[in-house]
Amino acid sequence: MTRVKRGTVTKKRHKRVLKAAKGFWGQRNNIFQRAKETLLRAMAAAFKGRKLKKRDMRGLFISRISAATKSHGLSYSRFIAGLKKAQVMLNRKMLSQLAICEPEAFGQLVKMARQ
């Protein structure tokens, strides 16, 4: 069986990991083994962060809508329940954008939710 030299493949993999670990502190950016384990943790945290970001944004939208509805003298829960009864199918992101950018249109939605 012929001999297979794998130095180029290993070097390429090491370069890829070390390039991704650029900016890490101490040995974590220039020693392959330290960089690899730190990078695995960083990638796991990034994956988790992408999921948590959606939760955080929904909370932000809800607090914006709540503040806008309170200024119109209505609670958030009654506003959402009123919109569901009126069959207005707008998500919380769009409602928060309306509350910020188009206060008049949001006021009309509040009137619809009251009825």
N, C-alpha and C. Protein backbone atom coordinates (compact mmCIF):
# COMPACT_ATOMS: atom_id res chain seq x y z
N MET A 1 0.85 -1.19 0.00
CA MET A 1 0.00 0.00 0.00
C MET A 1 0.89 1.24 0.00
N THR A 2 0.51 2.22 -0.79
CA THR A 2 1.32 3.43 -0.90
C THR A 2 1.11 4.34 0.31
N ARG A 3 2.11 5.11 0.58
CA ARG A 3 2.07 6.03 1.72
C ARG A 3 1.30 7.30 1.34
N VAL A 4 0.46 7.77 2.25
CA VAL A 4 -0.31 8.99 2.02
C VAL A 4 0.18 10.05 2.98
N LYS A 5 0.64 11.16 2.43
CA LYS A 5 1.07 12.28 3.27
C LYS A 5 -0.09 13.26 3.39
N ARG A 6 -0.43 13.59 4.64
CA ARG A 6 -1.62 14.42 4.87
C ARG A 6 -1.28 15.80 5.43
N GLY A 7 -0.05 16.22 5.30
CA GLY A 7 0.38 17.48 5.89
C GLY A 7 -0.37 18.69 5.36
N THR A 8 -0.63 18.70 4.06
CA THR A 8 -1.30 19.87 3.47
C THR A 8 -2.73 20.00 3.97
N VAL A 9 -3.42 18.86 4.14
CA VAL A 9 -4.81 18.87 4.61
C VAL A 9 -4.86 19.38 6.05
N THR A 10 -3.94 18.87 6.87
CA THR A 10 -3.88 19.28 8.28
C THR A 10 -3.56 20.76 8.39
N LYS A 11 -2.59 21.20 7.59
CA LYS A 11 -2.21 22.62 7.62
C LYS A 11 -3.38 23.51 7.22
N LYS A 12 -4.13 23.07 6.21
CA LYS A 12 -5.29 23.84 5.76
C LYS A 12 -6.35 23.93 6.86
N ARG A 13 -6.60 22.79 7.55
CA ARG A 13 -7.59 22.78 8.63
C ARG A 13 -7.14 23.67 9.79
N HIS A 14 -5.86 23.58 10.13
CA HIS A 14 -5.33 24.40 11.22
C HIS A 14 -5.44 25.89 10.88
N LYS A 15 -5.11 26.23 9.64
CA LYS A 15 -5.20 27.64 9.22
C LYS A 15 -6.63 28.15 9.29
N ARG A 16 -7.60 27.29 8.90
CA ARG A 16 -9.00 27.68 8.93
C ARG A 16 -9.47 27.95 10.36
N VAL A 17 -9.08 27.07 11.28
CA VAL A 17 -9.48 27.23 12.69
C VAL A 17 -8.82 28.46 13.29
N LEU A 18 -7.52 28.64 13.03
CA LEU A 18 -6.80 29.77 13.61
C LEU A 18 -7.29 31.10 13.04
N LYS A 19 -7.70 31.09 11.77
CA LYS A 19 -8.24 32.32 11.19
C LYS A 19 -9.57 32.68 11.86
N ALA A 20 -10.39 31.67 12.15
CA ALA A 20 -11.68 31.91 12.81
C ALA A 20 -11.48 32.35 14.26
N ALA A 21 -10.34 31.95 14.87
CA ALA A 21 -10.07 32.27 16.27
C ALA A 21 -9.32 33.58 16.42
N LYS A 22 -9.18 34.32 15.35
CA LYS A 22 -8.47 35.59 15.40
C LYS A 22 -9.18 36.56 16.34
N GLY A 23 -8.44 37.18 17.23
CA GLY A 23 -9.03 38.12 18.17
C GLY A 23 -9.28 37.52 19.54
N PHE A 24 -9.14 36.19 19.66
CA PHE A 24 -9.30 35.57 20.98
C PHE A 24 -8.08 35.90 21.83
N TRP A 25 -8.21 35.74 23.14
CA TRP A 25 -7.19 36.18 24.08
C TRP A 25 -6.17 35.10 24.36
N GLY A 26 -4.91 35.48 24.48
CA GLY A 26 -3.84 34.57 24.90
C GLY A 26 -3.58 33.47 23.89
N GLN A 27 -3.42 32.23 24.40
CA GLN A 27 -3.13 31.08 23.54
C GLN A 27 -4.32 30.71 22.68
N ARG A 28 -5.46 31.23 22.99
CA ARG A 28 -6.67 30.82 22.29
C ARG A 28 -6.69 31.27 20.83
N ASN A 29 -5.77 32.14 20.43
CA ASN A 29 -5.78 32.59 19.04
C ASN A 29 -4.59 32.08 18.23
N ASN A 30 -3.63 31.40 18.87
CA ASN A 30 -2.48 30.95 18.09
C ASN A 30 -2.05 29.51 18.37
N ILE A 31 -2.63 28.84 19.34
CA ILE A 31 -2.37 27.43 19.59
C ILE A 31 -3.59 26.65 19.12
N PHE A 32 -3.39 25.72 18.18
CA PHE A 32 -4.51 25.06 17.51
C PHE A 32 -5.48 24.42 18.49
N GLN A 33 -4.98 23.66 19.45
CA GLN A 33 -5.86 22.92 20.35
C GLN A 33 -6.72 23.87 21.20
N ARG A 34 -6.07 24.91 21.76
CA ARG A 34 -6.83 25.90 22.56
C ARG A 34 -7.83 26.63 21.67
N ALA A 35 -7.41 26.99 20.46
CA ALA A 35 -8.28 27.73 19.55
C ALA A 35 -9.49 26.89 19.16
N LYS A 36 -9.27 25.60 18.92
CA LYS A 36 -10.35 24.71 18.49
C LYS A 36 -11.41 24.58 19.58
N GLU A 37 -10.98 24.35 20.83
CA GLU A 37 -11.97 24.18 21.89
C GLU A 37 -12.71 25.48 22.19
N THR A 38 -12.02 26.62 22.11
CA THR A 38 -12.66 27.90 22.32
C THR A 38 -13.65 28.20 21.20
N LEU A 39 -13.26 27.85 19.99
CA LEU A 39 -14.12 28.09 18.84
C LEU A 39 -15.40 27.25 18.92
N LEU A 40 -15.29 26.02 19.40
CA LEU A 40 -16.48 25.17 19.55
C LEU A 40 -17.45 25.80 20.54
N ARG A 41 -16.92 26.31 21.64
CA ARG A 41 -17.79 26.96 22.63
C ARG A 41 -18.41 28.23 22.05
N ALA A 42 -17.61 28.99 21.30
CA ALA A 42 -18.10 30.23 20.71
C ALA A 42 -19.21 29.96 19.71
N MET A 43 -19.04 28.89 18.92
CA MET A 43 -20.06 28.55 17.93
C MET A 43 -21.35 28.07 18.60
N ALA A 44 -21.21 27.35 19.72
CA ALA A 44 -22.40 26.91 20.47
C ALA A 44 -23.14 28.12 21.04
N ALA A 45 -22.37 29.09 21.56
CA ALA A 45 -22.99 30.30 22.12
C ALA A 45 -23.66 31.12 21.02
N ALA A 46 -23.06 31.16 19.84
CA ALA A 46 -23.64 31.90 18.72
C ALA A 46 -24.95 31.26 18.27
N PHE A 47 -24.99 29.93 18.25
CA PHE A 47 -26.21 29.21 17.87
C PHE A 47 -27.32 29.52 18.87
N LYS A 48 -26.98 29.45 20.14
CA LYS A 48 -27.95 29.74 21.20
C LYS A 48 -28.41 31.19 21.11
N GLY A 49 -27.47 32.10 20.81
CA GLY A 49 -27.77 33.52 20.72
C GLY A 49 -28.76 33.84 19.61
N ARG A 50 -28.65 33.10 18.49
CA ARG A 50 -29.59 33.33 17.39
C ARG A 50 -31.01 32.95 17.78
N LYS A 51 -31.14 31.94 18.63
CA LYS A 51 -32.47 31.54 19.11
C LYS A 51 -32.99 32.54 20.14
N LEU A 52 -32.12 32.99 21.05
CA LEU A 52 -32.53 33.92 22.09
C LEU A 52 -32.88 35.29 21.53
N LYS A 53 -32.25 35.66 20.42
CA LYS A 53 -32.51 36.96 19.79
C LYS A 53 -33.97 37.09 19.40
N LYS A 54 -34.55 36.01 18.89
CA LYS A 54 -35.96 36.03 18.49
C LYS A 54 -36.86 36.26 19.69
N ARG A 55 -36.52 35.61 20.83
CA ARG A 55 -37.29 35.78 22.06
C ARG A 55 -37.18 37.22 22.57
N ASP A 56 -35.96 37.76 22.54
CA ASP A 56 -35.74 39.12 23.02
C ASP A 56 -36.49 40.15 22.17
N MET A 57 -36.47 39.95 20.85
CA MET A 57 -37.14 40.89 19.97
C MET A 57 -38.65 40.86 20.17
N ARG A 58 -39.21 39.68 20.39
CA ARG A 58 -40.65 39.59 20.64
C ARG A 58 -41.01 40.35 21.91
N GLY A 59 -40.18 40.22 22.95
CA GLY A 59 -40.40 40.96 24.20
C GLY A 59 -40.34 42.46 23.98
N LEU A 60 -39.39 42.90 23.13
CA LEU A 60 -39.27 44.32 22.81
C LEU A 60 -40.51 44.83 22.09
N PHE A 61 -40.99 44.04 21.11
CA PHE A 61 -42.19 44.44 20.37
C PHE A 61 -43.38 44.57 21.31
N ILE A 62 -43.52 43.61 22.22
CA ILE A 62 -44.65 43.62 23.16
C ILE A 62 -44.59 44.84 24.06
N SER A 63 -43.39 45.18 24.56
CA SER A 63 -43.28 46.35 25.45
C SER A 63 -43.57 47.65 24.69
N ARG A 64 -43.18 47.73 23.42
CA ARG A 64 -43.49 48.91 22.60
C ARG A 64 -45.00 49.05 22.38
N ILE A 65 -45.64 47.94 22.04
CA ILE A 65 -47.09 47.96 21.81
C ILE A 65 -47.81 48.32 23.10
N SER A 66 -47.35 47.75 24.21
CA SER A 66 -47.96 48.01 25.51
C SER A 66 -47.89 49.49 25.86
N ALA A 67 -46.74 50.10 25.62
CA ALA A 67 -46.58 51.53 25.91
C ALA A 67 -47.51 52.37 25.03
N ALA A 68 -47.62 51.99 23.76
CA ALA A 68 -48.47 52.75 22.84
C ALA A 68 -49.95 52.59 23.20
N THR A 69 -50.37 51.39 23.59
CA THR A 69 -51.78 51.19 23.93
C THR A 69 -52.14 51.87 25.24
N LYS A 70 -51.19 51.92 26.17
CA LYS A 70 -51.45 52.61 27.44
C LYS A 70 -51.68 54.10 27.22
N SER A 71 -50.97 54.68 26.24
CA SER A 71 -51.18 56.09 25.94
C SER A 71 -52.57 56.34 25.35
N HIS A 72 -53.17 55.29 24.78
CA HIS A 72 -54.54 55.39 24.26
C HIS A 72 -55.57 54.92 25.29
N GLY A 73 -55.10 54.59 26.50
CA GLY A 73 -56.01 54.19 27.58
C GLY A 73 -56.53 52.77 27.46
N LEU A 74 -55.71 51.86 26.98
CA LEU A 74 -56.11 50.47 26.82
C LEU A 74 -54.94 49.59 27.23
N SER A 75 -55.22 48.42 27.80
CA SER A 75 -54.13 47.52 28.18
C SER A 75 -53.71 46.68 26.97
N TYR A 76 -52.51 46.14 27.04
CA TYR A 76 -51.97 45.34 25.94
C TYR A 76 -52.84 44.10 25.69
N SER A 77 -53.20 43.40 26.77
CA SER A 77 -53.94 42.15 26.60
C SER A 77 -55.32 42.40 25.99
N ARG A 78 -55.99 43.47 26.42
CA ARG A 78 -57.30 43.80 25.84
C ARG A 78 -57.17 44.24 24.37
N PHE A 79 -56.06 44.92 24.07
CA PHE A 79 -55.80 45.34 22.69
C PHE A 79 -55.65 44.13 21.77
N ILE A 80 -54.82 43.17 22.20
CA ILE A 80 -54.57 41.97 21.38
C ILE A 80 -55.86 41.15 21.25
N ALA A 81 -56.60 41.00 22.36
CA ALA A 81 -57.86 40.25 22.31
C ALA A 81 -58.86 40.93 21.38
N GLY A 82 -58.91 42.28 21.43
CA GLY A 82 -59.80 43.03 20.54
C GLY A 82 -59.44 42.87 19.09
N LEU A 83 -58.14 42.86 18.78
CA LEU A 83 -57.70 42.67 17.40
C LEU A 83 -58.07 41.28 16.90
N LYS A 84 -57.94 40.28 17.78
CA LYS A 84 -58.30 38.91 17.38
C LYS A 84 -59.79 38.82 17.07
N LYS A 85 -60.62 39.47 17.90
CA LYS A 85 -62.07 39.45 17.67
C LYS A 85 -62.42 40.19 16.38
N ALA A 86 -61.68 41.28 16.09
CA ALA A 86 -61.92 42.05 14.87
C ALA A 86 -61.28 41.40 13.65
N GLN A 87 -60.60 40.27 13.87
CA GLN A 87 -59.92 39.50 12.81
C GLN A 87 -58.88 40.32 12.07
N VAL A 88 -58.11 41.10 12.84
CA VAL A 88 -56.98 41.84 12.28
C VAL A 88 -55.76 40.97 12.47
N MET A 89 -55.17 40.49 11.37
CA MET A 89 -54.06 39.55 11.43
C MET A 89 -52.73 40.28 11.20
N LEU A 90 -52.30 41.04 12.20
CA LEU A 90 -51.00 41.70 12.14
C LEU A 90 -50.12 41.12 13.24
N ASN A 91 -48.85 40.83 12.90
CA ASN A 91 -47.97 40.30 13.93
C ASN A 91 -47.43 41.44 14.81
N ARG A 92 -46.78 41.07 15.89
CA ARG A 92 -46.34 42.05 16.88
C ARG A 92 -45.25 42.98 16.34
N LYS A 93 -44.45 42.47 15.41
CA LYS A 93 -43.41 43.31 14.81
C LYS A 93 -44.04 44.46 14.03
N MET A 94 -45.04 44.14 13.22
CA MET A 94 -45.71 45.17 12.42
C MET A 94 -46.48 46.14 13.31
N LEU A 95 -47.12 45.61 14.37
CA LEU A 95 -47.85 46.48 15.29
C LEU A 95 -46.91 47.47 15.97
N SER A 96 -45.71 47.00 16.37
CA SER A 96 -44.76 47.91 17.03
C SER A 96 -44.24 48.95 16.05
N GLN A 97 -44.04 48.56 14.78
CA GLN A 97 -43.60 49.52 13.76
C GLN A 97 -44.68 50.59 13.54
N LEU A 98 -45.94 50.15 13.50
CA LEU A 98 -47.04 51.10 13.34
C LEU A 98 -47.10 52.05 14.53
N ALA A 99 -46.91 51.53 15.73
CA ALA A 99 -46.97 52.35 16.94
C ALA A 99 -45.89 53.43 16.92
N ILE A 100 -44.72 53.11 16.36
CA ILE A 100 -43.61 54.07 16.33
C ILE A 100 -43.74 55.03 15.15
N CYS A 101 -43.92 54.48 13.95
CA CYS A 101 -43.85 55.28 12.71
C CYS A 101 -45.18 55.90 12.31
N GLU A 102 -46.29 55.22 12.56
CA GLU A 102 -47.61 55.68 12.13
C GLU A 102 -48.59 55.72 13.31
N PRO A 103 -48.46 56.72 14.19
CA PRO A 103 -49.33 56.75 15.38
C PRO A 103 -50.82 56.89 15.05
N GLU A 104 -51.15 57.58 13.94
CA GLU A 104 -52.55 57.74 13.57
C GLU A 104 -53.16 56.40 13.18
N ALA A 105 -52.44 55.64 12.39
CA ALA A 105 -52.93 54.32 11.97
C ALA A 105 -53.06 53.40 13.18
N PHE A 106 -52.10 53.51 14.11
CA PHE A 106 -52.17 52.69 15.33
C PHE A 106 -53.38 53.08 16.17
N GLY A 107 -53.69 54.38 16.20
CA GLY A 107 -54.87 54.85 16.91
C GLY A 107 -56.15 54.25 16.34
N GLN A 108 -56.20 54.11 15.01
CA GLN A 108 -57.37 53.49 14.39
C GLN A 108 -57.48 52.01 14.75
N LEU A 109 -56.32 51.35 14.87
CA LEU A 109 -56.33 49.95 15.29
C LEU A 109 -56.85 49.82 16.73
N VAL A 110 -56.47 50.79 17.59
CA VAL A 110 -56.95 50.78 18.96
C VAL A 110 -58.46 50.93 18.98
N LYS A 111 -59.00 51.83 18.13
CA LYS A 111 -60.45 52.01 18.05
C LYS A 111 -61.14 50.71 17.60
N MET A 112 -60.54 50.04 16.63
CA MET A 112 -61.09 48.77 16.16
C MET A 112 -61.07 47.72 17.26
N ALA A 113 -60.02 47.72 18.06
CA ALA A 113 -59.89 46.74 19.15
C ALA A 113 -60.89 47.03 20.25
N ARG A 114 -61.21 48.29 20.46
CA ARG A 114 -62.20 48.67 21.50
C ARG A 114 -63.60 48.16 21.14
N GLN A 115 -63.95 48.25 19.84
CA GLN A 115 -65.27 47.82 19.40
C GLN A 115 -65.32 46.31 19.43
